[in-house]
C-alpha cells in the first residue's frame, strides 16, 4: 500500500470539532434540500447525523 504524505495544516474549530492540524478526519456532508422546507431539511439532517457525520452543512 502506498504511503500517503499529508501537508501540514493549521487546526481550526467548527463548534466542538477540530479540523486540520493533525486532528482525526471529520466526516462531513451537506443537506441537499431547500432551506425554506424546514421539515425536509430537519429530516435530512437527522439521517445524515444517524449515518455518522461529524459536520453537517446547510446552505
C-alpha atoms as a PDB file:
ATOM      1  CA  UNK A   1       0.000   0.000   0.000  1.00  0.00           C
ATOM      2  CA  UNK A   2       1.452   3.415  -0.927  1.00  0.00           C
ATOM      3  CA  UNK A   3       2.351   5.874   1.810  1.00  0.00           C
ATOM      4  CA  UNK A   4       0.137   8.954   1.948  1.00  0.00           C
ATOM      5  CA  UNK A   5       2.069  12.179   2.528  1.00  0.00           C
ATOM      6  CA  UNK A   6      -0.053  14.825   4.279  1.00  0.00           C
ATOM      7  CA  UNK A   7       0.770  18.512   4.142  1.00  0.00           C
ATOM      8  CA  UNK A   8       0.984  20.325   7.492  1.00  0.00           C
ATOM      9  CA  UNK A   9      -2.184  22.324   8.157  1.00  0.00           C
ATOM     10  CA  UNK A  10      -3.444  24.756  10.756  1.00  0.00           C
ATOM     11  CA  UNK A  11      -6.117  23.480  13.152  1.00  0.00           C
ATOM     12  CA  UNK A  12      -9.478  25.255  13.108  1.00  0.00           C
ATOM     13  CA  UNK A  13     -12.546  24.580  15.210  1.00  0.00           C
ATOM     14  CA  UNK A  14     -16.080  24.245  13.917  1.00  0.00           C
ATOM     15  CA  UNK A  15     -18.166  24.146  17.068  1.00  0.00           C
ATOM     16  CA  UNK A  16     -16.625  21.342  19.120  1.00  0.00           C
ATOM     17  CA  UNK A  17     -14.956  19.657  16.103  1.00  0.00           C
ATOM     18  CA  UNK A  18     -11.307  20.344  15.237  1.00  0.00           C
ATOM     19  CA  UNK A  19     -10.378  20.164  11.546  1.00  0.00           C
ATOM     20  CA  UNK A  20      -6.762  20.047  10.349  1.00  0.00           C
ATOM     21  CA  UNK A  21      -3.589  20.307  12.376  1.00  0.00           C
ATOM     22  CA  UNK A  22      -3.290  16.545  12.763  1.00  0.00           C
ATOM     23  CA  UNK A  23      -6.817  16.091  14.160  1.00  0.00           C
ATOM     24  CA  UNK A  24      -8.695  12.948  13.118  1.00  0.00           C
ATOM     25  CA  UNK A  25     -10.529  13.300   9.800  1.00  0.00           C
ATOM     26  CA  UNK A  26     -14.044  14.706  10.334  1.00  0.00           C
ATOM     27  CA  UNK A  27     -16.816  13.228   8.186  1.00  0.00           C
ATOM     28  CA  UNK A  28     -18.974  15.970   6.723  1.00  0.00           C
ATOM     29  CA  UNK A  29     -21.949  16.259   4.411  1.00  0.00           C
ATOM     30  CA  UNK A  30     -24.264  18.942   3.110  1.00  0.00           C
ATOM     31  CA  UNK A  31     -28.047  18.921   3.193  1.00  0.00           C
ATOM     32  CA  UNK A  32     -29.464  18.918  -0.334  1.00  0.00           C
ATOM     33  CA  UNK A  33     -32.842  20.423   0.482  1.00  0.00           C
ATOM     34  CA  UNK A  34     -34.298  23.882   0.104  1.00  0.00           C
ATOM     35  CA  UNK A  35     -33.721  25.668   3.394  1.00  0.00           C
ATOM     36  CA  UNK A  36     -37.256  27.044   3.231  1.00  0.00           C
ATOM     37  CA  UNK A  37     -38.531  23.456   3.594  1.00  0.00           C
ATOM     38  CA  UNK A  38     -37.798  23.130   7.294  1.00  0.00           C
ATOM     39  CA  UNK A  39     -39.360  19.672   7.692  1.00  0.00           C
ATOM     40  CA  UNK A  40     -37.363  18.159   4.799  1.00  0.00           C
ATOM     41  CA  UNK A  41     -34.148  19.819   5.967  1.00  0.00           C
ATOM     42  CA  UNK A  42     -34.651  18.594   9.536  1.00  0.00           C
ATOM     43  CA  UNK A  43     -35.393  15.083   8.267  1.00  0.00           C
ATOM     44  CA  UNK A  44     -32.247  15.054   6.127  1.00  0.00           C
ATOM     45  CA  UNK A  45     -30.048  16.416   8.938  1.00  0.00           C
ATOM     46  CA  UNK A  46     -31.363  13.633  11.196  1.00  0.00           C
ATOM     47  CA  UNK A  47     -30.494  10.991   8.563  1.00  0.00           C
ATOM     48  CA  UNK A  48     -27.025  12.431   7.940  1.00  0.00           C
ATOM     49  CA  UNK A  49     -26.341  12.549  11.685  1.00  0.00           C
ATOM     50  CA  UNK A  50     -27.531   8.938  12.083  1.00  0.00           C
ATOM     51  CA  UNK A  51     -25.126   7.935   9.288  1.00  0.00           C
ATOM     52  CA  UNK A  52     -22.244   9.261  11.408  1.00  0.00           C
ATOM     53  CA  UNK A  53     -21.408  12.711  10.029  1.00  0.00           C
ATOM     54  CA  UNK A  54     -19.440  14.974  12.358  1.00  0.00           C
ATOM     55  CA  UNK A  55     -20.272  18.173  10.439  1.00  0.00           C
ATOM     56  CA  UNK A  56     -23.472  18.940   8.504  1.00  0.00           C
ATOM     57  CA  UNK A  57     -23.549  21.995   6.246  1.00  0.00           C
ATOM     58  CA  UNK A  58     -26.797  23.757   5.339  1.00  0.00           C
ATOM     59  CA  UNK A  59     -26.943  26.441   2.666  1.00  0.00           C
END
